[in-house]
């Protein structure tokens, strides 16, 4: 689970451009196109961080998937676990 305070949450959300549909990650990316968020000396996939910030811990063994199939999207409404 990501341990993140309110100040860091605010910093996280500023790294995306919110469009009417997807919230596009505008900073560092992994080679496969997923957002990369640096936090406490670790690099976390941005969509996983977004999911945890809004919904809490990701159940062990599950992935965070996109309904929009856009790896740069961090819109919590587009994320689900499976």
C-alpha atoms as a PDB file:
ATOM      1  CA  UNK A   1       0.000   0.000   0.000  1.00  0.00           C
ATOM      2  CA  UNK A   2       1.260   3.453  -0.882  1.00  0.00           C
ATOM      3  CA  UNK A   3       1.933   5.591   2.197  1.00  0.00           C
ATOM      4  CA  UNK A   4       1.188   9.110   0.992  1.00  0.00           C
ATOM      5  CA  UNK A   5       0.235  12.292   2.832  1.00  0.00           C
ATOM      6  CA  UNK A   6      -2.124  15.003   1.584  1.00  0.00           C
ATOM      7  CA  UNK A   7       0.698  17.180   0.250  1.00  0.00           C
ATOM      8  CA  UNK A   8       2.079  14.302  -1.823  1.00  0.00           C
ATOM      9  CA  UNK A   9      -1.414  13.437  -3.069  1.00  0.00           C
ATOM     10  CA  UNK A  10      -1.816  16.997  -4.315  1.00  0.00           C
ATOM     11  CA  UNK A  11       1.589  16.782  -6.031  1.00  0.00           C
ATOM     12  CA  UNK A  12       0.599  13.480  -7.630  1.00  0.00           C
ATOM     13  CA  UNK A  13      -2.634  14.796  -9.166  1.00  0.00           C
ATOM     14  CA  UNK A  14      -0.852  17.822 -10.698  1.00  0.00           C
ATOM     15  CA  UNK A  15       1.159  15.452 -12.887  1.00  0.00           C
ATOM     16  CA  UNK A  16      -1.840  14.629 -15.066  1.00  0.00           C
ATOM     17  CA  UNK A  17      -3.887  16.567 -17.582  1.00  0.00           C
ATOM     18  CA  UNK A  18      -7.571  16.017 -16.880  1.00  0.00           C
ATOM     19  CA  UNK A  19      -9.552  15.733 -20.094  1.00  0.00           C
ATOM     20  CA  UNK A  20     -13.320  15.074 -20.237  1.00  0.00           C
ATOM     21  CA  UNK A  21     -12.507  11.351 -20.322  1.00  0.00           C
ATOM     22  CA  UNK A  22      -8.976  10.220 -19.417  1.00  0.00           C
ATOM     23  CA  UNK A  23      -6.588  11.889 -17.004  1.00  0.00           C
ATOM     24  CA  UNK A  24      -3.333  11.673 -18.948  1.00  0.00           C
ATOM     25  CA  UNK A  25      -0.072  11.223 -17.009  1.00  0.00           C
ATOM     26  CA  UNK A  26       2.307  13.927 -18.268  1.00  0.00           C
ATOM     27  CA  UNK A  27       5.541  12.992 -16.523  1.00  0.00           C
ATOM     28  CA  UNK A  28       7.918  10.042 -16.481  1.00  0.00           C
ATOM     29  CA  UNK A  29       6.848   6.881 -18.279  1.00  0.00           C
ATOM     30  CA  UNK A  30       7.919   3.264 -18.208  1.00  0.00           C
ATOM     31  CA  UNK A  31       9.059   1.912 -21.599  1.00  0.00           C
ATOM     32  CA  UNK A  32       5.635   0.259 -22.033  1.00  0.00           C
ATOM     33  CA  UNK A  33       3.833   3.617 -21.762  1.00  0.00           C
ATOM     34  CA  UNK A  34       2.564   3.425 -18.167  1.00  0.00           C
ATOM     35  CA  UNK A  35       3.115   6.443 -15.917  1.00  0.00           C
ATOM     36  CA  UNK A  36       5.961   6.329 -13.400  1.00  0.00           C
ATOM     37  CA  UNK A  37       5.599   8.162 -10.076  1.00  0.00           C
ATOM     38  CA  UNK A  38       8.618   8.638  -7.808  1.00  0.00           C
ATOM     39  CA  UNK A  39       7.700   8.350  -4.139  1.00  0.00           C
ATOM     40  CA  UNK A  40       9.946   7.774  -1.102  1.00  0.00           C
ATOM     41  CA  UNK A  41      12.828   6.474  -3.195  1.00  0.00           C
ATOM     42  CA  UNK A  42      10.687   4.053  -5.191  1.00  0.00           C
ATOM     43  CA  UNK A  43       9.106   4.279  -8.611  1.00  0.00           C
ATOM     44  CA  UNK A  44       5.436   3.265  -8.657  1.00  0.00           C
ATOM     45  CA  UNK A  45       3.148   2.817 -11.643  1.00  0.00           C
ATOM     46  CA  UNK A  46       1.011   5.955 -11.658  1.00  0.00           C
ATOM     47  CA  UNK A  47      -2.281   4.160 -12.339  1.00  0.00           C
ATOM     48  CA  UNK A  48      -1.689   1.850  -9.360  1.00  0.00           C
ATOM     49  CA  UNK A  49      -0.903   4.863  -7.151  1.00  0.00           C
ATOM     50  CA  UNK A  50      -4.092   6.602  -8.352  1.00  0.00           C
ATOM     51  CA  UNK A  51      -6.158   3.521  -7.575  1.00  0.00           C
ATOM     52  CA  UNK A  52      -4.700   3.211  -4.056  1.00  0.00           C
ATOM     53  CA  UNK A  53      -5.054   6.928  -3.279  1.00  0.00           C
ATOM     54  CA  UNK A  54      -8.779   6.767  -4.055  1.00  0.00           C
ATOM     55  CA  UNK A  55      -9.749   3.174  -3.178  1.00  0.00           C
ATOM     56  CA  UNK A  56      -7.160   1.848  -0.759  1.00  0.00           C
ATOM     57  CA  UNK A  57      -4.930  -1.172  -0.991  1.00  0.00           C
ATOM     58  CA  UNK A  58      -4.866  -3.321  -4.109  1.00  0.00           C
ATOM     59  CA  UNK A  59      -5.706  -6.915  -3.144  1.00  0.00           C
ATOM     60  CA  UNK A  60      -2.660  -9.183  -3.312  1.00  0.00           C
ATOM     61  CA  UNK A  61      -2.232 -10.923  -6.641  1.00  0.00           C
ATOM     62  CA  UNK A  62      -4.522  -8.565  -8.568  1.00  0.00           C
ATOM     63  CA  UNK A  63      -3.669  -5.997 -11.231  1.00  0.00           C
ATOM     64  CA  UNK A  64      -5.091  -2.540 -11.783  1.00  0.00           C
ATOM     65  CA  UNK A  65      -6.738  -2.475 -15.207  1.00  0.00           C
ATOM     66  CA  UNK A  66      -8.074   0.346 -17.382  1.00  0.00           C
ATOM     67  CA  UNK A  67     -11.577   0.403 -18.835  1.00  0.00           C
ATOM     68  CA  UNK A  68     -10.193   2.868 -21.415  1.00  0.00           C
ATOM     69  CA  UNK A  69      -7.159   0.721 -22.367  1.00  0.00           C
ATOM     70  CA  UNK A  70      -4.965   3.835 -22.117  1.00  0.00           C
ATOM     71  CA  UNK A  71      -1.777   3.081 -20.125  1.00  0.00           C
ATOM     72  CA  UNK A  72      -1.186   6.805 -19.432  1.00  0.00           C
ATOM     73  CA  UNK A  73      -4.642   7.261 -17.871  1.00  0.00           C
ATOM     74  CA  UNK A  74      -4.882   7.705 -14.086  1.00  0.00           C
ATOM     75  CA  UNK A  75      -8.584   8.602 -13.906  1.00  0.00           C
ATOM     76  CA  UNK A  76      -9.856   6.601 -10.905  1.00  0.00           C
ATOM     77  CA  UNK A  77     -13.190   6.111 -12.671  1.00  0.00           C
ATOM     78  CA  UNK A  78     -11.349   4.161 -15.378  1.00  0.00           C
ATOM     79  CA  UNK A  79      -9.456   1.852 -13.004  1.00  0.00           C
ATOM     80  CA  UNK A  80     -10.525  -1.510 -11.630  1.00  0.00           C
ATOM     81  CA  UNK A  81      -8.807  -4.540 -10.149  1.00  0.00           C
ATOM     82  CA  UNK A  82      -8.822  -7.957 -11.712  1.00  0.00           C
END
